Amino acid sequence: MPADQLRNRTVGCKMTEAECERLIAVAERECLTLSEWCREALLQQAGVQKPRALEETVLAEIIALRTILLNALYKLAQGEALTPEEMQRLIERADHDKFRKAQERLAAVATGGAE
């Protein structure tokens, strides 16, 4: 790991016992240590965030649904029938590409671009 990427700095603050317990509970719900959760929360507030698995999954499913819907509607609008086999191919193609497309869109948003 390059020296400029080593985590060798500490950021801290004082908290009440109740505040600390609340943060620990939140971190545990997300299956993270308190340190990991705090790092993510601070970076998110600073605008340096990575998408959570849930966000990426939901976006991927929405992208897949959009792909299927637009392709099916386009074919139907042309007056063509959509066979079960064609529908299955649409679903498989959408499922195959959905996570890659979601990651591309999330990366574009993170860098200030938009798709």
PDB file of N, CA and C in Angstrom:
ATOM      1  N   MET A   1       0.855  -1.184   0.000  1.00  0.00           N
ATOM      2  CA  MET A   1       0.000   0.000   0.000  1.00  0.00           C
ATOM      3  C   MET A   1       0.895   1.240   0.000  1.00  0.00           C
ATOM      4  N   PRO A   2       0.646   2.200  -0.901  1.00  0.00           N
ATOM      5  CA  PRO A   2       1.456   3.424  -0.939  1.00  0.00           C
ATOM      6  C   PRO A   2       1.377   4.181   0.384  1.00  0.00           C
ATOM      7  N   ALA A   3       2.452   4.856   0.712  1.00  0.00           N
ATOM      8  CA  ALA A   3       2.530   5.578   1.987  1.00  0.00           C
ATOM      9  C   ALA A   3       1.424   6.599   2.156  1.00  0.00           C
ATOM     10  N   ASP A   4       1.001   7.234   1.040  1.00  0.00           N
ATOM     11  CA  ASP A   4      -0.045   8.254   1.160  1.00  0.00           C
ATOM     12  C   ASP A   4      -1.422   7.651   1.383  1.00  0.00           C
ATOM     13  N   GLN A   5      -1.532   6.329   1.333  1.00  0.00           N
ATOM     14  CA  GLN A   5      -2.823   5.681   1.571  1.00  0.00           C
ATOM     15  C   GLN A   5      -2.870   4.949   2.913  1.00  0.00           C
ATOM     16  N   LEU A   6      -1.781   4.966   3.662  1.00  0.00           N
ATOM     17  CA  LEU A   6      -1.775   4.322   4.971  1.00  0.00           C
ATOM     18  C   LEU A   6      -2.643   5.117   5.933  1.00  0.00           C
ATOM     19  N   ARG A   7      -3.380   4.429   6.724  1.00  0.00           N
ATOM     20  CA  ARG A   7      -4.218   5.091   7.726  1.00  0.00           C
ATOM     21  C   ARG A   7      -3.382   5.271   8.989  1.00  0.00           C
ATOM     22  N   ASN A   8      -2.684   6.375   9.046  1.00  0.00           N
ATOM     23  CA  ASN A   8      -1.801   6.622  10.179  1.00  0.00           C
ATOM     24  C   ASN A   8      -2.168   7.878  10.960  1.00  0.00           C
ATOM     25  N   ARG A   9      -3.342   8.423  10.678  1.00  0.00           N
ATOM     26  CA  ARG A   9      -3.814   9.618  11.371  1.00  0.00           C
ATOM     27  C   ARG A   9      -5.062   9.252  12.172  1.00  0.00           C
ATOM     28  N   THR A  10      -5.250   9.919  13.283  1.00  0.00           N
ATOM     29  CA  THR A  10      -6.391   9.658  14.150  1.00  0.00           C
ATOM     30  C   THR A  10      -7.211  10.926  14.309  1.00  0.00           C
ATOM     31  N   VAL A  11      -8.511  10.783  14.244  1.00  0.00           N
ATOM     32  CA  VAL A  11      -9.445  11.874  14.507  1.00  0.00           C
ATOM     33  C   VAL A  11     -10.298  11.414  15.677  1.00  0.00           C
ATOM     34  N   GLY A  12     -10.463  12.258  16.672  1.00  0.00           N
ATOM     35  CA  GLY A  12     -11.216  11.839  17.846  1.00  0.00           C
ATOM     36  C   GLY A  12     -12.104  12.933  18.395  1.00  0.00           C
ATOM     37  N   CYS A  13     -13.021  12.520  19.253  1.00  0.00           N
ATOM     38  CA  CYS A  13     -13.875  13.476  19.951  1.00  0.00           C
ATOM     39  C   CYS A  13     -14.385  12.816  21.228  1.00  0.00           C
ATOM     40  N   LYS A  14     -14.773  13.625  22.164  1.00  0.00           N
ATOM     41  CA  LYS A  14     -15.325  13.127  23.426  1.00  0.00           C
ATOM     42  C   LYS A  14     -16.830  12.950  23.281  1.00  0.00           C
ATOM     43  N   MET A  15     -17.355  11.897  23.913  1.00  0.00           N
ATOM     44  CA  MET A  15     -18.787  11.606  23.845  1.00  0.00           C
ATOM     45  C   MET A  15     -19.275  11.166  25.218  1.00  0.00           C
ATOM     46  N   THR A  16     -20.567  11.300  25.414  1.00  0.00           N
ATOM     47  CA  THR A  16     -21.155  10.756  26.643  1.00  0.00           C
ATOM     48  C   THR A  16     -21.264   9.246  26.484  1.00  0.00           C
ATOM     49  N   GLU A  17     -21.457   8.571  27.568  1.00  0.00           N
ATOM     50  CA  GLU A  17     -21.632   7.117  27.536  1.00  0.00           C
ATOM     51  C   GLU A  17     -22.831   6.740  26.667  1.00  0.00           C
ATOM     52  N   ALA A  18     -23.922   7.478  26.786  1.00  0.00           N
ATOM     53  CA  ALA A  18     -25.134   7.184  26.005  1.00  0.00           C
ATOM     54  C   ALA A  18     -24.892   7.403  24.511  1.00  0.00           C
ATOM     55  N   GLU A  19     -24.182   8.472  24.163  1.00  0.00           N
ATOM     56  CA  GLU A  19     -23.888   8.728  22.747  1.00  0.00           C
ATOM     57  C   GLU A  19     -23.029   7.615  22.155  1.00  0.00           C
ATOM     58  N   CYS A  20     -22.036   7.204  22.918  1.00  0.00           N
ATOM     59  CA  CYS A  20     -21.134   6.150  22.457  1.00  0.00           C
ATOM     60  C   CYS A  20     -21.892   4.837  22.278  1.00  0.00           C
ATOM     61  N   GLU A  21     -22.730   4.488  23.222  1.00  0.00           N
ATOM     62  CA  GLU A  21     -23.529   3.256  23.121  1.00  0.00           C
ATOM     63  C   GLU A  21     -24.436   3.293  21.900  1.00  0.00           C
ATOM     64  N   ARG A  22     -25.000   4.448  21.633  1.00  0.00           N
ATOM     65  CA  ARG A  22     -25.874   4.586  20.461  1.00  0.00           C
ATOM     66  C   ARG A  22     -25.096   4.364  19.166  1.00  0.00           C
ATOM     67  N   LEU A  23     -23.893   4.944  19.080  1.00  0.00           N
ATOM     68  CA  LEU A  23     -23.069   4.756  17.887  1.00  0.00           C
ATOM     69  C   LEU A  23     -22.621   3.304  17.733  1.00  0.00           C
ATOM     70  N   ILE A  24     -22.267   2.669  18.812  1.00  0.00           N
ATOM     71  CA  ILE A  24     -21.873   1.258  18.759  1.00  0.00           C
ATOM     72  C   ILE A  24     -23.026   0.409  18.251  1.00  0.00           C
ATOM     73  N   ALA A  25     -24.241   0.696  18.720  1.00  0.00           N
ATOM     74  CA  ALA A  25     -25.416  -0.058  18.274  1.00  0.00           C
ATOM     75  C   ALA A  25     -25.657   0.114  16.771  1.00  0.00           C
ATOM     76  N   VAL A  26     -25.507   1.338  16.286  1.00  0.00           N
ATOM     77  CA  VAL A  26     -25.684   1.600  14.851  1.00  0.00           C
ATOM     78  C   VAL A  26     -24.620   0.851  14.052  1.00  0.00           C
ATOM     79  N   ALA A  27     -23.384   0.923  14.494  1.00  0.00           N
ATOM     80  CA  ALA A  27     -22.287   0.240  13.800  1.00  0.00           C
ATOM     81  C   ALA A  27     -22.528  -1.267  13.768  1.00  0.00           C
ATOM     82  N   GLU A  28     -22.950  -1.830  14.880  1.00  0.00           N
ATOM     83  CA  GLU A  28     -23.204  -3.273  14.947  1.00  0.00           C
ATOM     84  C   GLU A  28     -24.334  -3.686  14.017  1.00  0.00           C
ATOM     85  N   ARG A  29     -25.373  -2.848  13.905  1.00  0.00           N
ATOM     86  CA  ARG A  29     -26.479  -3.159  12.980  1.00  0.00           C
ATOM     87  C   ARG A  29     -25.987  -3.251  11.546  1.00  0.00           C
ATOM     88  N   GLU A  30     -24.956  -2.483  11.229  1.00  0.00           N
ATOM     89  CA  GLU A  30     -24.401  -2.484   9.874  1.00  0.00           C
ATOM     90  C   GLU A  30     -23.211  -3.431   9.750  1.00  0.00           C
ATOM     91  N   CYS A  31     -22.992  -4.251  10.790  1.00  0.00           N
ATOM     92  CA  CYS A  31     -21.906  -5.240  10.802  1.00  0.00           C
ATOM     93  C   CYS A  31     -20.534  -4.592  10.616  1.00  0.00           C
ATOM     94  N   LEU A  32     -20.338  -3.447  11.254  1.00  0.00           N
ATOM     95  CA  LEU A  32     -19.070  -2.736  11.200  1.00  0.00           C
ATOM     96  C   LEU A  32     -18.557  -2.506  12.611  1.00  0.00           C
ATOM     97  N   THR A  33     -17.243  -2.350  12.724  1.00  0.00           N
ATOM     98  CA  THR A  33     -16.712  -1.924  14.010  1.00  0.00           C
ATOM     99  C   THR A  33     -17.048  -0.448  14.173  1.00  0.00           C
ATOM    100  N   LEU A  34     -16.953   0.056  15.391  1.00  0.00           N
ATOM    101  CA  LEU A  34     -17.233   1.473  15.616  1.00  0.00           C
ATOM    102  C   LEU A  34     -16.258   2.329  14.806  1.00  0.00           C
ATOM    103  N   SER A  35     -15.001   1.921  14.742  1.00  0.00           N
ATOM    104  CA  SER A  35     -14.008   2.663  13.979  1.00  0.00           C
ATOM    105  C   SER A  35     -14.362   2.713  12.490  1.00  0.00           C
ATOM    106  N   GLU A  36     -14.732   1.580  11.918  1.00  0.00           N
ATOM    107  CA  GLU A  36     -15.108   1.539  10.499  1.00  0.00           C
ATOM    108  C   GLU A  36     -16.332   2.417  10.236  1.00  0.00           C
ATOM    109  N   TRP A  37     -17.319   2.298  11.123  1.00  0.00           N
ATOM    110  CA  TRP A  37     -18.547   3.075  10.940  1.00  0.00           C
ATOM    111  C   TRP A  37     -18.247   4.577  11.025  1.00  0.00           C
ATOM    112  N   CYS A  38     -17.441   4.969  12.013  1.00  0.00           N
ATOM    113  CA  CYS A  38     -17.104   6.387  12.165  1.00  0.00           C
ATOM    114  C   CYS A  38     -16.341   6.900  10.952  1.00  0.00           C
ATOM    115  N   ARG A  39     -15.393   6.094  10.433  1.00  0.00           N
ATOM    116  CA  ARG A  39     -14.640   6.515   9.250  1.00  0.00           C
ATOM    117  C   ARG A  39     -15.586   6.752   8.087  1.00  0.00           C
ATOM    118  N   GLU A  40     -16.507   5.801   7.841  1.00  0.00           N
ATOM    119  CA  GLU A  40     -17.467   5.952   6.745  1.00  0.00           C
ATOM    120  C   GLU A  40     -18.358   7.176   6.948  1.00  0.00           C
ATOM    121  N   ALA A  41     -18.831   7.381   8.183  1.00  0.00           N
ATOM    122  CA  ALA A  41     -19.719   8.515   8.461  1.00  0.00           C
ATOM    123  C   ALA A  41     -18.994   9.843   8.244  1.00  0.00           C
ATOM    124  N   LEU A  42     -17.754   9.935   8.714  1.00  0.00           N
ATOM    125  CA  LEU A  42     -16.987  11.170   8.537  1.00  0.00           C
ATOM    126  C   LEU A  42     -16.684  11.430   7.065  1.00  0.00           C
ATOM    127  N   LEU A  43     -16.268  10.403   6.340  1.00  0.00           N
ATOM    128  CA  LEU A  43     -15.975  10.576   4.917  1.00  0.00           C
ATOM    129  C   LEU A  43     -17.226  10.920   4.124  1.00  0.00           C
ATOM    130  N   GLN A  44     -18.349  10.346   4.523  1.00  0.00           N
ATOM    131  CA  GLN A  44     -19.611  10.679   3.848  1.00  0.00           C
ATOM    132  C   GLN A  44     -19.944  12.147   4.059  1.00  0.00           C
ATOM    133  N   GLN A  45     -19.782  12.641   5.261  1.00  0.00           N
ATOM    134  CA  GLN A  45     -20.056  14.049   5.548  1.00  0.00           C
ATOM    135  C   GLN A  45     -19.105  14.966   4.787  1.00  0.00           C
ATOM    136  N   ALA A  46     -17.891  14.475   4.524  1.00  0.00           N
ATOM    137  CA  ALA A  46     -16.902  15.271   3.800  1.00  0.00           C
ATOM    138  C   ALA A  46     -17.063  15.138   2.287  1.00  0.00           C
ATOM    139  N   GLY A  47     -18.052  14.361   1.865  1.00  0.00           N
ATOM    140  CA  GLY A  47     -18.298  14.195   0.437  1.00  0.00           C
ATOM    141  C   GLY A  47     -17.420  13.153  -0.220  1.00  0.00           C
ATOM    142  N   VAL A  48     -16.745  12.346   0.576  1.00  0.00           N
ATOM    143  CA  VAL A  48     -15.900  11.266   0.061  1.00  0.00           C
ATOM    144  C   VAL A  48     -16.533   9.970   0.527  1.00  0.00           C
ATOM    145  N   GLN A  49     -17.475   9.494  -0.228  1.00  0.00           N
ATOM    146  CA  GLN A  49     -18.200   8.322   0.242  1.00  0.00           C
ATOM    147  C   GLN A  49     -18.200   7.233  -0.803  1.00  0.00           C
ATOM    148  N   LYS A  50     -18.277   6.020  -0.328  1.00  0.00           N
ATOM    149  CA  LYS A  50     -18.455   4.902  -1.235  1.00  0.00           C
ATOM    150  C   LYS A  50     -19.889   4.417  -1.046  1.00  0.00           C
ATOM    151  N   PRO A  51     -20.496   3.920  -2.097  1.00  0.00           N
ATOM    152  CA  PRO A  51     -21.878   3.461  -1.952  1.00  0.00           C
ATOM    153  C   PRO A  51     -21.960   2.225  -1.061  1.00  0.00           C
ATOM    154  N   ARG A  52     -23.003   2.162  -0.309  1.00  0.00           N
ATOM    155  CA  ARG A  52     -23.238   0.985   0.515  1.00  0.00           C
ATOM    156  C   ARG A  52     -23.782  -0.125  -0.373  1.00  0.00           C
ATOM    157  N   ALA A  53     -23.614  -1.348   0.080  1.00  0.00           N
ATOM    158  CA  ALA A  53     -24.069  -2.504  -0.694  1.00  0.00           C
ATOM    159  C   ALA A  53     -25.562  -2.397  -0.987  1.00  0.00           C
ATOM    160  N   LEU A  54     -26.344  -1.940  -0.011  1.00  0.00           N
ATOM    161  CA  LEU A  54     -27.784  -1.816  -0.215  1.00  0.00           C
ATOM    162  C   LEU A  54     -28.094  -0.804  -1.301  1.00  0.00           C
ATOM    163  N   GLU A  55     -27.438   0.342  -1.271  1.00  0.00           N
ATOM    164  CA  GLU A  55     -27.666   1.366  -2.293  1.00  0.00           C
ATOM    165  C   GLU A  55     -27.299   0.846  -3.677  1.00  0.00           C
ATOM    166  N   GLU A  56     -26.153   0.159  -3.754  1.00  0.00           N
ATOM    167  CA  GLU A  56     -25.698  -0.367  -5.040  1.00  0.00           C
ATOM    168  C   GLU A  56     -26.662  -1.438  -5.559  1.00  0.00           C
ATOM    169  N   THR A  57     -27.156  -2.284  -4.668  1.00  0.00           N
ATOM    170  CA  THR A  57     -28.085  -3.344  -5.068  1.00  0.00           C
ATOM    171  C   THR A  57     -29.407  -2.764  -5.547  1.00  0.00           C
ATOM    172  N   VAL A  58     -29.942  -1.805  -4.818  1.00  0.00           N
ATOM    173  CA  VAL A  58     -31.215  -1.190  -5.209  1.00  0.00           C
ATOM    174  C   VAL A  58     -31.067  -0.474  -6.543  1.00  0.00           C
ATOM    175  N   LEU A  59     -29.986   0.275  -6.718  1.00  0.00           N
ATOM    176  CA  LEU A  59     -29.763   0.954  -7.986  1.00  0.00           C
ATOM    177  C   LEU A  59     -29.625  -0.054  -9.122  1.00  0.00           C
ATOM    178  N   ALA A  60     -28.914  -1.150  -8.893  1.00  0.00           N
ATOM    179  CA  ALA A  60     -28.739  -2.179  -9.926  1.00  0.00           C
ATOM    180  C   ALA A  60     -30.089  -2.771 -10.334  1.00  0.00           C
ATOM    181  N   GLU A  61     -30.953  -3.026  -9.372  1.00  0.00           N
ATOM    182  CA  GLU A  61     -32.270  -3.579  -9.683  1.00  0.00           C
ATOM    183  C   GLU A  61     -33.126  -2.572 -10.459  1.00  0.00           C
ATOM    184  N   ILE A  62     -33.046  -1.320 -10.086  1.00  0.00           N
ATOM    185  CA  ILE A  62     -33.803  -0.287 -10.806  1.00  0.00           C
ATOM    186  C   ILE A  62     -33.295  -0.174 -12.246  1.00  0.00           C
ATOM    187  N   ILE A  63     -31.989  -0.218 -12.416  1.00  0.00           N
ATOM    188  CA  ILE A  63     -31.416  -0.154 -13.761  1.00  0.00           C
ATOM    189  C   ILE A  63     -31.880  -1.355 -14.583  1.00  0.00           C
ATOM    190  N   ALA A  64     -31.881  -2.546 -13.980  1.00  0.00           N
ATOM    191  CA  ALA A  64     -32.326  -3.746 -14.699  1.00  0.00           C
ATOM    192  C   ALA A  64     -33.801  -3.622 -15.091  1.00  0.00           C
ATOM    193  N   LEU A  65     -34.632  -3.173 -14.164  1.00  0.00           N
ATOM    194  CA  LEU A  65     -36.058  -3.000 -14.466  1.00  0.00           C
ATOM    195  C   LEU A  65     -36.260  -1.985 -15.578  1.00  0.00           C
ATOM    196  N   ARG A  66     -35.509  -0.892 -15.531  1.00  0.00           N
ATOM    197  CA  ARG A  66     -35.598   0.145 -16.568  1.00  0.00           C
ATOM    198  C   ARG A  66     -35.207  -0.427 -17.926  1.00  0.00           C
ATOM    199  N   THR A  67     -34.130  -1.199 -17.948  1.00  0.00           N
ATOM    200  CA  THR A  67     -33.670  -1.807 -19.198  1.00  0.00           C
ATOM    201  C   THR A  67     -34.739  -2.729 -19.783  1.00  0.00           C
ATOM    202  N   ILE A  68     -35.301  -3.575 -18.947  1.00  0.00           N
ATOM    203  CA  ILE A  68     -36.332  -4.512 -19.401  1.00  0.00           C
ATOM    204  C   ILE A  68     -37.553  -3.749 -19.896  1.00  0.00           C
ATOM    205  N   LEU A  69     -38.000  -2.793 -19.099  1.00  0.00           N
ATOM    206  CA  LEU A  69     -39.209  -2.039 -19.443  1.00  0.00           C
ATOM    207  C   LEU A  69     -39.041  -1.268 -20.749  1.00  0.00           C
ATOM    208  N   LEU A  70     -37.948  -0.539 -20.880  1.00  0.00           N
ATOM    209  CA  LEU A  70     -37.749   0.249 -22.095  1.00  0.00           C
ATOM    210  C   LEU A  70     -37.634  -0.627 -23.335  1.00  0.00           C
ATOM    211  N   ASN A  71     -36.915  -1.727 -23.232  1.00  0.00           N
ATOM    212  CA  ASN A  71     -36.787  -2.621 -24.377  1.00  0.00           C
ATOM    213  C   ASN A  71     -38.114  -3.274 -24.742  1.00  0.00           C
ATOM    214  N   ALA A  72     -38.872  -3.698 -23.740  1.00  0.00           N
ATOM    215  CA  ALA A  72     -40.172  -4.322 -24.005  1.00  0.00           C
ATOM    216  C   ALA A  72     -41.149  -3.308 -24.594  1.00  0.00           C
ATOM    217  N   LEU A  73     -41.204  -2.120 -24.014  1.00  0.00           N
ATOM    218  CA  LEU A  73     -42.120  -1.099 -24.527  1.00  0.00           C
ATOM    219  C   LEU A  73     -41.758  -0.663 -25.939  1.00  0.00           C
ATOM    220  N   TYR A  74     -40.467  -0.561 -26.223  1.00  0.00           N
ATOM    221  CA  TYR A  74     -40.052  -0.176 -27.564  1.00  0.00           C
ATOM    222  C   TYR A  74     -40.532  -1.212 -28.588  1.00  0.00           C
ATOM    223  N   LYS A  75     -40.329  -2.472 -28.268  1.00  0.00           N
ATOM    224  CA  LYS A  75     -40.751  -3.538 -29.181  1.00  0.00           C
ATOM    225  C   LYS A  75     -42.268  -3.515 -29.362  1.00  0.00           C
ATOM    226  N   LEU A  76     -43.000  -3.365 -28.287  1.00  0.00           N
ATOM    227  CA  LEU A  76     -44.463  -3.334 -28.361  1.00  0.00           C
ATOM    228  C   LEU A  76     -44.949  -2.096 -29.115  1.00  0.00           C
ATOM    229  N   ALA A  77     -44.270  -0.962 -28.939  1.00  0.00           N
ATOM    230  CA  ALA A  77     -44.658   0.262 -29.636  1.00  0.00           C
ATOM    231  C   ALA A  77     -44.457   0.139 -31.148  1.00  0.00           C
ATOM    232  N   GLN A  78     -43.553  -0.723 -31.551  1.00  0.00           N
ATOM    233  CA  GLN A  78     -43.318  -0.970 -32.968  1.00  0.00           C
ATOM    234  C   GLN A  78     -44.344  -1.951 -33.541  1.00  0.00           C
ATOM    235  N   GLY A  79     -45.267  -2.398 -32.684  1.00  0.00           N
ATOM    236  CA  GLY A  79     -46.301  -3.327 -33.121  1.00  0.00           C
ATOM    237  C   GLY A  79     -45.829  -4.772 -33.199  1.00  0.00           C
ATOM    238  N   GLU A  80     -44.684  -5.052 -32.609  1.00  0.00           N
ATOM    239  CA  GLU A  80     -44.139  -6.406 -32.631  1.00  0.00           C
ATOM    240  C   GLU A  80     -44.528  -7.138 -31.353  1.00  0.00           C
ATOM    241  N   ALA A  81     -44.669  -8.454 -31.484  1.00  0.00           N
ATOM    242  CA  ALA A  81     -44.977  -9.285 -30.316  1.00  0.00           C
ATOM    243  C   ALA A  81     -43.679  -9.567 -29.551  1.00  0.00           C
ATOM    244  N   LEU A  82     -43.811  -9.761 -28.277  1.00  0.00           N
ATOM    245  CA  LEU A  82     -42.665 -10.094 -27.428  1.00  0.00           C
ATOM    246  C   LEU A  82     -42.862 -11.527 -26.946  1.00  0.00           C
ATOM    247  N   THR A  83     -42.052 -12.432 -27.446  1.00  0.00           N
ATOM    248  CA  THR A  83     -42.202 -13.845 -27.088  1.00  0.00           C
ATOM    249  C   THR A  83     -41.618 -14.091 -25.706  1.00  0.00           C
ATOM    250  N   PRO A  84     -42.014 -15.170 -25.063  1.00  0.00           N
ATOM    251  CA  PRO A  84     -41.423 -15.513 -23.760  1.00  0.00           C
ATOM    252  C   PRO A  84     -39.904 -15.667 -23.836  1.00  0.00           C
ATOM    253  N   GLU A  85     -39.404 -16.203 -24.946  1.00  0.00           N
ATOM    254  CA  GLU A  85     -37.957 -16.372 -25.101  1.00  0.00           C
ATOM    255  C   GLU A  85     -37.252 -15.018 -25.182  1.00  0.00           C
ATOM    256  N   GLU A  86     -37.846 -14.074 -25.924  1.00  0.00           N
ATOM    257  CA  GLU A  86     -37.270 -12.734 -26.027  1.00  0.00           C
ATOM    258  C   GLU A  86     -37.286 -12.034 -24.670  1.00  0.00           C
ATOM    259  N   MET A  87     -38.371 -12.206 -23.948  1.00  0.00           N
ATOM    260  CA  MET A  87     -38.473 -11.603 -22.621  1.00  0.00           C
ATOM    261  C   MET A  87     -37.402 -12.183 -21.696  1.00  0.00           C
ATOM    262  N   GLN A  88     -37.188 -13.472 -21.774  1.00  0.00           N
ATOM    263  CA  GLN A  88     -36.167 -14.115 -20.949  1.00  0.00           C
ATOM    264  C   GLN A  88     -34.776 -13.582 -21.301  1.00  0.00           C
ATOM    265  N   ARG A  89     -34.506 -13.375 -22.583  1.00  0.00           N
ATOM    266  CA  ARG A  89     -33.219 -12.815 -23.008  1.00  0.00           C
ATOM    267  C   ARG A  89     -33.045 -11.382 -22.477  1.00  0.00           C
ATOM    268  N   LEU A  90     -34.141 -10.612 -22.521  1.00  0.00           N
ATOM    269  CA  LEU A  90     -34.077  -9.249 -21.968  1.00  0.00           C
ATOM    270  C   LEU A  90     -33.721  -9.276 -20.482  1.00  0.00           C
ATOM    271  N   ILE A  91     -34.360 -10.166 -19.762  1.00  0.00           N
ATOM    272  CA  ILE A  91     -34.113 -10.294 -18.316  1.00  0.00           C
ATOM    273  C   ILE A  91     -32.673 -10.703 -18.061  1.00  0.00           C
ATOM    274  N   GLU A  92     -32.197 -11.692 -18.796  1.00  0.00           N
ATOM    275  CA  GLU A  92     -30.827 -12.172 -18.595  1.00  0.00           C
ATOM    276  C   GLU A  92     -29.805 -11.084 -18.923  1.00  0.00           C
ATOM    277  N   ARG A  93     -30.033 -10.339 -19.999  1.00  0.00           N
ATOM    278  CA  ARG A  93     -29.111  -9.265 -20.367  1.00  0.00           C
ATOM    279  C   ARG A  93     -29.115  -8.159 -19.309  1.00  0.00           C
ATOM    280  N   ALA A  94     -30.311  -7.820 -18.845  1.00  0.00           N
ATOM    281  CA  ALA A  94     -30.415  -6.777 -17.814  1.00  0.00           C
ATOM    282  C   ALA A  94     -29.727  -7.220 -16.523  1.00  0.00           C
ATOM    283  N   ASP A  95     -29.933  -8.467 -16.132  1.00  0.00           N
ATOM    284  CA  ASP A  95     -29.293  -8.985 -14.920  1.00  0.00           C
ATOM    285  C   ASP A  95     -27.774  -9.034 -15.069  1.00  0.00           C
ATOM    286  N   HIS A  96     -27.312  -9.370 -16.247  1.00  0.00           N
ATOM    287  CA  HIS A  96     -25.874  -9.485 -16.489  1.00  0.00           C
ATOM    288  C   HIS A  96     -25.171  -8.134 -16.357  1.00  0.00           C
ATOM    289  N   ASP A  97     -25.805  -7.075 -16.804  1.00  0.00           N
ATOM    290  CA  ASP A  97     -25.177  -5.753 -16.862  1.00  0.00           C
ATOM    291  C   ASP A  97     -25.500  -4.842 -15.678  1.00  0.00           C
ATOM    292  N   LYS A  98     -26.447  -5.213 -14.839  1.00  0.00           N
ATOM    293  CA  LYS A  98     -26.987  -4.263 -13.868  1.00  0.00           C
ATOM    294  C   LYS A  98     -25.961  -3.753 -12.854  1.00  0.00           C
ATOM    295  N   PHE A  99     -25.100  -4.612 -12.326  1.00  0.00           N
ATOM    296  CA  PHE A  99     -24.150  -4.142 -11.318  1.00  0.00           C
ATOM    297  C   PHE A  99     -23.056  -3.280 -11.943  1.00  0.00           C
ATOM    298  N   ARG A 100     -22.596  -3.638 -13.125  1.00  0.00           N
ATOM    299  CA  ARG A 100     -21.597  -2.826 -13.810  1.00  0.00           C
ATOM    300  C   ARG A 100     -22.155  -1.431 -14.082  1.00  0.00           C
ATOM    301  N   LYS A 101     -23.402  -1.374 -14.574  1.00  0.00           N
ATOM    302  CA  LYS A 101     -24.022  -0.082 -14.867  1.00  0.00           C
ATOM    303  C   LYS A 101     -24.229   0.728 -13.588  1.00  0.00           C
ATOM    304  N   ALA A 102     -24.633   0.063 -12.519  1.00  0.00           N
ATOM    305  CA  ALA A 102     -24.832   0.763 -11.240  1.00  0.00           C
ATOM    306  C   ALA A 102     -23.508   1.335 -10.749  1.00  0.00           C
ATOM    307  N   GLN A 103     -22.430   0.552 -10.821  1.00  0.00           N
ATOM    308  CA  GLN A 103     -21.126   1.034 -10.379  1.00  0.00           C
ATOM    309  C   GLN A 103     -20.663   2.213 -11.230  1.00  0.00           C
ATOM    310  N   GLU A 104     -20.905   2.143 -12.540  1.00  0.00           N
ATOM    311  CA  GLU A 104     -20.531   3.261 -13.413  1.00  0.00           C
ATOM    312  C   GLU A 104     -21.285   4.533 -13.041  1.00  0.00           C
ATOM    313  N   ARG A 105     -22.567   4.399 -12.781  1.00  0.00           N
ATOM    314  CA  ARG A 105     -23.365   5.585 -12.433  1.00  0.00           C
ATOM    315  C   ARG A 105     -22.970   6.155 -11.081  1.00  0.00           C
ATOM    316  N   LEU A 106     -22.724   5.276 -10.119  1.00  0.00           N
ATOM    317  CA  LEU A 106     -22.306   5.741  -8.795  1.00  0.00           C
ATOM    318  C   LEU A 106     -20.924   6.404  -8.877  1.00  0.00           C
ATOM    319  N   ALA A 107     -20.035   5.871  -9.688  1.00  0.00           N
ATOM    320  CA  ALA A 107     -18.709   6.471  -9.858  1.00  0.00           C
ATOM    321  C   ALA A 107     -18.840   7.840 -10.524  1.00  0.00           C
ATOM    322  N   ALA A 108     -19.742   7.958 -11.489  1.00  0.00           N
ATOM    323  CA  ALA A 108     -19.942   9.244 -12.174  1.00  0.00           C
ATOM    324  C   ALA A 108     -20.453  10.295 -11.194  1.00  0.00           C
ATOM    325  N   VAL A 109     -21.356   9.903 -10.326  1.00  0.00           N
ATOM    326  CA  VAL A 109     -21.886  10.832  -9.330  1.00  0.00           C
ATOM    327  C   VAL A 109     -20.793  11.235  -8.350  1.00  0.00           C
ATOM    328  N   ALA A 110     -19.961  10.273  -7.941  1.00  0.00           N
ATOM    329  CA  ALA A 110     -18.899  10.540  -6.968  1.00  0.00           C
ATOM    330  C   ALA A 110     -17.853  11.507  -7.517  1.00  0.00           C
ATOM    331  N   THR A 111     -17.644  11.484  -8.831  1.00  0.00           N
ATOM    332  CA  THR A 111     -16.645  12.367  -9.435  1.00  0.00           C
ATOM    333  C   THR A 111     -17.253  13.660  -9.941  1.00  0.00           C
ATOM    334  N   GLY A 112     -18.530  13.863  -9.670  1.00  0.00           N
ATOM    335  CA  GLY A 112     -19.180  15.107 -10.066  1.00  0.00           C
ATOM    336  C   GLY A 112     -19.797  15.076 -11.439  1.00  0.00           C
ATOM    337  N   GLY A 113     -19.697  13.949 -12.110  1.00  0.00           N
ATOM    338  CA  GLY A 113     -20.314  13.801 -13.431  1.00  0.00           C
ATOM    339  C   GLY A 113     -21.735  13.299 -13.275  1.00  0.00           C
ATOM    340  N   ALA A 114     -22.435  13.198 -14.352  1.00  0.00           N
ATOM    341  CA  ALA A 114     -23.805  12.675 -14.325  1.00  0.00           C
ATOM    342  C   ALA A 114     -24.028  11.890 -15.593  1.00  0.00           C
ATOM    343  N   GLU A 115     -24.798  10.833 -15.456  1.00  0.00           N
ATOM    344  CA  GLU A 115     -25.171  10.027 -16.616  1.00  0.00           C
ATOM    345  C   GLU A 115     -26.663  10.057 -16.793  1.00  0.00           C
TER     346      GLU A 115
END
